[in-house]
Amino acid sequence: MKIKVEVTSDELAEMYCDTTKELEEQLRDQIDNGVASNEGEAGVDWMVGYDLEVVLVNG
């Protein structure tokens, strides 16, 4: 599975991130550890493997 996030500089600033790499790390942690299934499993327990790409766009 591929997850692609497009983000502007303003959006990065609103999320207190200086770089897309920093946002990618935060998102990866949320997906792996913060997403819970109905049974209470973390994302890392039930999701298929994924590639995460965070891209800076103008806007």
PDB file of N, CA and C in Angstrom:
ATOM      1  N   MET A   1       0.856  -1.157   0.000  1.00  0.00           N
ATOM      2  CA  MET A   1       0.000   0.000   0.000  1.00  0.00           C
ATOM      3  C   MET A   1       0.905   1.224   0.000  1.00  0.00           C
ATOM      4  N   LYS A   2       0.472   2.255  -0.709  1.00  0.00           N
ATOM      5  CA  LYS A   2       1.221   3.502  -0.737  1.00  0.00           C
ATOM      6  C   LYS A   2       0.335   4.612  -0.197  1.00  0.00           C
ATOM      7  N   ILE A   3       0.877   5.374   0.730  1.00  0.00           N
ATOM      8  CA  ILE A   3       0.183   6.522   1.301  1.00  0.00           C
ATOM      9  C   ILE A   3       0.979   7.754   0.896  1.00  0.00           C
ATOM     10  N   LYS A   4       0.326   8.676   0.190  1.00  0.00           N
ATOM     11  CA  LYS A   4       0.997   9.905  -0.241  1.00  0.00           C
ATOM     12  C   LYS A   4       0.282  11.092   0.387  1.00  0.00           C
ATOM     13  N   VAL A   5       1.053  11.959   1.015  1.00  0.00           N
ATOM     14  CA  VAL A   5       0.513  13.153   1.656  1.00  0.00           C
ATOM     15  C   VAL A   5       1.132  14.367   0.974  1.00  0.00           C
ATOM     16  N   GLU A   6       0.299  15.266   0.497  1.00  0.00           N
ATOM     17  CA  GLU A   6       0.768  16.526  -0.067  1.00  0.00           C
ATOM     18  C   GLU A   6       0.507  17.616   0.960  1.00  0.00           C
ATOM     19  N   VAL A   7       1.533  18.396   1.258  1.00  0.00           N
ATOM     20  CA  VAL A   7       1.438  19.385   2.320  1.00  0.00           C
ATOM     21  C   VAL A   7       2.131  20.675   1.877  1.00  0.00           C
ATOM     22  N   THR A   8       1.583  21.806   2.302  1.00  0.00           N
ATOM     23  CA  THR A   8       2.206  23.099   2.006  1.00  0.00           C
ATOM     24  C   THR A   8       3.116  23.504   3.163  1.00  0.00           C
ATOM     25  N   SER A   9       3.937  24.504   2.925  1.00  0.00           N
ATOM     26  CA  SER A   9       4.808  25.029   3.985  1.00  0.00           C
ATOM     27  C   SER A   9       3.984  25.556   5.155  1.00  0.00           C
ATOM     28  N   ASP A  10       2.876  26.220   4.843  1.00  0.00           N
ATOM     29  CA  ASP A  10       2.006  26.741   5.901  1.00  0.00           C
ATOM     30  C   ASP A  10       1.414  25.606   6.737  1.00  0.00           C
ATOM     31  N   GLU A  11       1.009  24.529   6.075  1.00  0.00           N
ATOM     32  CA  GLU A  11       0.452  23.386   6.806  1.00  0.00           C
ATOM     33  C   GLU A  11       1.513  22.733   7.688  1.00  0.00           C
ATOM     34  N   LEU A  12       2.740  22.620   7.179  1.00  0.00           N
ATOM     35  CA  LEU A  12       3.829  22.088   8.003  1.00  0.00           C
ATOM     36  C   LEU A  12       3.997  22.933   9.257  1.00  0.00           C
ATOM     37  N   ALA A  13       4.002  24.252   9.076  1.00  0.00           N
ATOM     38  CA  ALA A  13       4.172  25.160  10.210  1.00  0.00           C
ATOM     39  C   ALA A  13       3.030  25.006  11.216  1.00  0.00           C
ATOM     40  N   GLU A  14       1.803  24.846  10.729  1.00  0.00           N
ATOM     41  CA  GLU A  14       0.650  24.665  11.620  1.00  0.00           C
ATOM     42  C   GLU A  14       0.776  23.398  12.461  1.00  0.00           C
ATOM     43  N   MET A  15       1.483  22.396  11.921  1.00  0.00           N
ATOM     44  CA  MET A  15       1.669  21.125  12.634  1.00  0.00           C
ATOM     45  C   MET A  15       3.008  21.092  13.367  1.00  0.00           C
ATOM     46  N   TYR A  16       3.659  22.274  13.459  1.00  0.00           N
ATOM     47  CA  TYR A  16       4.932  22.418  14.181  1.00  0.00           C
ATOM     48  C   TYR A  16       6.025  21.505  13.628  1.00  0.00           C
ATOM     49  N   CYS A  17       6.044  21.339  12.306  1.00  0.00           N
ATOM     50  CA  CYS A  17       7.081  20.549  11.636  1.00  0.00           C
ATOM     51  C   CYS A  17       7.926  21.488  10.783  1.00  0.00           C
ATOM     52  N   ASP A  18       9.233  21.290  10.827  1.00  0.00           N
ATOM     53  CA  ASP A  18      10.138  22.099  10.018  1.00  0.00           C
ATOM     54  C   ASP A  18      10.384  21.491   8.646  1.00  0.00           C
ATOM     55  N   THR A  19      10.238  20.175   8.530  1.00  0.00           N
ATOM     56  CA  THR A  19      10.531  19.484   7.273  1.00  0.00           C
ATOM     57  C   THR A  19       9.475  18.419   6.988  1.00  0.00           C
ATOM     58  N   THR A  20       9.423  17.988   5.732  1.00  0.00           N
ATOM     59  CA  THR A  20       8.519  16.893   5.380  1.00  0.00           C
ATOM     60  C   THR A  20       8.965  15.600   6.056  1.00  0.00           C
ATOM     61  N   LYS A  21      10.263  15.440   6.254  1.00  0.00           N
ATOM     62  CA  LYS A  21      10.787  14.241   6.925  1.00  0.00           C
ATOM     63  C   LYS A  21      10.258  14.167   8.362  1.00  0.00           C
ATOM     64  N   GLU A  22      10.219  15.300   9.041  1.00  0.00           N
ATOM     65  CA  GLU A  22       9.694  15.338  10.407  1.00  0.00           C
ATOM     66  C   GLU A  22       8.216  14.944  10.432  1.00  0.00           C
ATOM     67  N   LEU A  23       7.433  15.466   9.492  1.00  0.00           N
ATOM     68  CA  LEU A  23       6.016  15.098   9.418  1.00  0.00           C
ATOM     69  C   LEU A  23       5.872  13.622   9.095  1.00  0.00           C
ATOM     70  N   GLU A  24       6.695  13.120   8.183  1.00  0.00           N
ATOM     71  CA  GLU A  24       6.649  11.701   7.834  1.00  0.00           C
ATOM     72  C   GLU A  24       6.890  10.831   9.067  1.00  0.00           C
ATOM     73  N   GLU A  25       7.855  11.193   9.884  1.00  0.00           N
ATOM     74  CA  GLU A  25       8.141  10.422  11.097  1.00  0.00           C
ATOM     75  C   GLU A  25       6.956  10.446  12.058  1.00  0.00           C
ATOM     76  N   GLN A  26       6.333  11.622  12.212  1.00  0.00           N
ATOM     77  CA  GLN A  26       5.172  11.731  13.100  1.00  0.00           C
ATOM     78  C   GLN A  26       3.993  10.917  12.571  1.00  0.00           C
ATOM     79  N   LEU A  27       3.749  10.982  11.270  1.00  0.00           N
ATOM     80  CA  LEU A  27       2.651  10.214  10.678  1.00  0.00           C
ATOM     81  C   LEU A  27       2.897   8.718  10.803  1.00  0.00           C
ATOM     82  N   ARG A  28       4.136   8.296  10.544  1.00  0.00           N
ATOM     83  CA  ARG A  28       4.470   6.876  10.644  1.00  0.00           C
ATOM     84  C   ARG A  28       4.226   6.369  12.074  1.00  0.00           C
ATOM     85  N   ASP A  29       4.596   7.163  13.062  1.00  0.00           N
ATOM     86  CA  ASP A  29       4.362   6.769  14.454  1.00  0.00           C
ATOM     87  C   ASP A  29       2.867   6.660  14.741  1.00  0.00           C
ATOM     88  N   GLN A  30       2.081   7.619  14.237  1.00  0.00           N
ATOM     89  CA  GLN A  30       0.631   7.578  14.447  1.00  0.00           C
ATOM     90  C   GLN A  30      -0.001   6.371  13.763  1.00  0.00           C
ATOM     91  N   ILE A  31       0.411   6.096  12.534  1.00  0.00           N
ATOM     92  CA  ILE A  31      -0.153   4.957  11.806  1.00  0.00           C
ATOM     93  C   ILE A  31       0.214   3.648  12.494  1.00  0.00           C
ATOM     94  N   ASP A  32       1.475   3.517  12.874  1.00  0.00           N
ATOM     95  CA  ASP A  32       1.945   2.264  13.475  1.00  0.00           C
ATOM     96  C   ASP A  32       1.426   2.047  14.891  1.00  0.00           C
ATOM     97  N   ASN A  33       1.309   3.121  15.658  1.00  0.00           N
ATOM     98  CA  ASN A  33       1.016   2.974  17.084  1.00  0.00           C
ATOM     99  C   ASN A  33      -0.297   3.592  17.534  1.00  0.00           C
ATOM    100  N   GLY A  34      -0.828   4.533  16.768  1.00  0.00           N
ATOM    101  CA  GLY A  34      -1.997   5.259  17.229  1.00  0.00           C
ATOM    102  C   GLY A  34      -3.310   4.837  16.596  1.00  0.00           C
ATOM    103  N   VAL A  35      -3.256   4.147  15.467  1.00  0.00           N
ATOM    104  CA  VAL A  35      -4.478   3.713  14.782  1.00  0.00           C
ATOM    105  C   VAL A  35      -4.908   2.387  15.387  1.00  0.00           C
ATOM    106  N   ALA A  36      -6.102   2.346  15.922  1.00  0.00           N
ATOM    107  CA  ALA A  36      -6.569   1.121  16.583  1.00  0.00           C
ATOM    108  C   ALA A  36      -7.726   0.497  15.815  1.00  0.00           C
ATOM    109  N   SER A  37      -7.742  -0.823  15.800  1.00  0.00           N
ATOM    110  CA  SER A  37      -8.863  -1.551  15.204  1.00  0.00           C
ATOM    111  C   SER A  37      -9.978  -1.660  16.236  1.00  0.00           C
ATOM    112  N   ASN A  38     -11.095  -2.224  15.846  1.00  0.00           N
ATOM    113  CA  ASN A  38     -12.203  -2.432  16.781  1.00  0.00           C
ATOM    114  C   ASN A  38     -11.797  -3.313  17.952  1.00  0.00           C
ATOM    115  N   GLU A  39     -10.797  -4.172  17.721  1.00  0.00           N
ATOM    116  CA  GLU A  39     -10.325  -5.073  18.777  1.00  0.00           C
ATOM    117  C   GLU A  39      -9.218  -4.438  19.614  1.00  0.00           C
ATOM    118  N   GLY A  40      -8.868  -3.190  19.322  1.00  0.00           N
ATOM    119  CA  GLY A  40      -7.857  -2.495  20.095  1.00  0.00           C
ATOM    120  C   GLY A  40      -6.429  -2.713  19.630  1.00  0.00           C
ATOM    121  N   GLU A  41      -6.253  -3.355  18.468  1.00  0.00           N
ATOM    122  CA  GLU A  41      -4.912  -3.589  17.952  1.00  0.00           C
ATOM    123  C   GLU A  41      -4.362  -2.303  17.332  1.00  0.00           C
ATOM    124  N   ALA A  42      -3.063  -2.078  17.490  1.00  0.00           N
ATOM    125  CA  ALA A  42      -2.410  -0.936  16.858  1.00  0.00           C
ATOM    126  C   ALA A  42      -2.288  -1.189  15.363  1.00  0.00           C
ATOM    127  N   GLY A  43      -2.101  -0.125  14.593  1.00  0.00           N
ATOM    128  CA  GLY A  43      -1.989  -0.245  13.146  1.00  0.00           C
ATOM    129  C   GLY A  43      -0.922  -1.223  12.707  1.00  0.00           C
ATOM    130  N   VAL A  44       0.186  -1.246  13.413  1.00  0.00           N
ATOM    131  CA  VAL A  44       1.281  -2.150  13.053  1.00  0.00           C
ATOM    132  C   VAL A  44       0.846  -3.611  13.151  1.00  0.00           C
ATOM    133  N   ASP A  45      -0.171  -3.894  13.969  1.00  0.00           N
ATOM    134  CA  ASP A  45      -0.650  -5.266  14.154  1.00  0.00           C
ATOM    135  C   ASP A  45      -1.591  -5.729  13.046  1.00  0.00           C
ATOM    136  N   TRP A  46      -2.333  -4.819  12.438  1.00  0.00           N
ATOM    137  CA  TRP A  46      -3.355  -5.256  11.493  1.00  0.00           C
ATOM    138  C   TRP A  46      -3.203  -4.704  10.080  1.00  0.00           C
ATOM    139  N   MET A  47      -2.409  -3.649   9.902  1.00  0.00           N
ATOM    140  CA  MET A  47      -2.271  -3.071   8.563  1.00  0.00           C
ATOM    141  C   MET A  47      -1.250  -3.839   7.733  1.00  0.00           C
ATOM    142  N   VAL A  48      -1.460  -3.833   6.424  1.00  0.00           N
ATOM    143  CA  VAL A  48      -0.453  -4.387   5.520  1.00  0.00           C
ATOM    144  C   VAL A  48       0.724  -3.412   5.481  1.00  0.00           C
ATOM    145  N   GLY A  49       1.848  -3.878   4.979  1.00  0.00           N
ATOM    146  CA  GLY A  49       3.002  -2.997   4.850  1.00  0.00           C
ATOM    147  C   GLY A  49       2.663  -1.795   3.981  1.00  0.00           C
ATOM    148  N   TYR A  50       3.333  -0.693   4.206  1.00  0.00           N
ATOM    149  CA  TYR A  50       3.029   0.512   3.443  1.00  0.00           C
ATOM    150  C   TYR A  50       4.284   1.331   3.195  1.00  0.00           C
ATOM    151  N   ASP A  51       4.220   2.120   2.128  1.00  0.00           N
ATOM    152  CA  ASP A  51       5.214   3.141   1.834  1.00  0.00           C
ATOM    153  C   ASP A  51       4.543   4.471   2.104  1.00  0.00           C
ATOM    154  N   LEU A  52       5.224   5.344   2.812  1.00  0.00           N
ATOM    155  CA  LEU A  52       4.685   6.657   3.140  1.00  0.00           C
ATOM    156  C   LEU A  52       5.540   7.712   2.454  1.00  0.00           C
ATOM    157  N   GLU A  53       4.878   8.594   1.715  1.00  0.00           N
ATOM    158  CA  GLU A  53       5.579   9.667   1.013  1.00  0.00           C
ATOM    159  C   GLU A  53       4.915  10.989   1.382  1.00  0.00           C
ATOM    160  N   VAL A  54       5.703  11.932   1.876  1.00  0.00           N
ATOM    161  CA  VAL A  54       5.204  13.265   2.184  1.00  0.00           C
ATOM    162  C   VAL A  54       5.881  14.229   1.216  1.00  0.00           C
ATOM    163  N   VAL A  55       5.062  14.961   0.456  1.00  0.00           N
ATOM    164  CA  VAL A  55       5.560  15.828  -0.605  1.00  0.00           C
ATOM    165  C   VAL A  55       5.171  17.273  -0.313  1.00  0.00           C
ATOM    166  N   LEU A  56       6.121  18.173  -0.432  1.00  0.00           N
ATOM    167  CA  LEU A  56       5.864  19.598  -0.265  1.00  0.00           C
ATOM    168  C   LEU A  56       5.319  20.162  -1.573  1.00  0.00           C
ATOM    169  N   VAL A  57       4.172  20.829  -1.497  1.00  0.00           N
ATOM    170  CA  VAL A  57       3.549  21.439  -2.673  1.00  0.00           C
ATOM    171  C   VAL A  57       3.369  22.932  -2.424  1.00  0.00           C
ATOM    172  N   ASN A  58       3.220  23.697  -3.485  1.00  0.00           N
ATOM    173  CA  ASN A  58       2.944  25.132  -3.362  1.00  0.00           C
ATOM    174  C   ASN A  58       1.473  25.309  -3.047  1.00  0.00           C
ATOM    175  N   GLY A  59       1.192  26.318  -2.255  1.00  0.00           N
ATOM    176  CA  GLY A  59      -0.220  26.541  -1.984  1.00  0.00           C
ATOM    177  C   GLY A  59      -0.479  27.473  -0.880  1.00  0.00           C
TER     178      GLY A  59
END
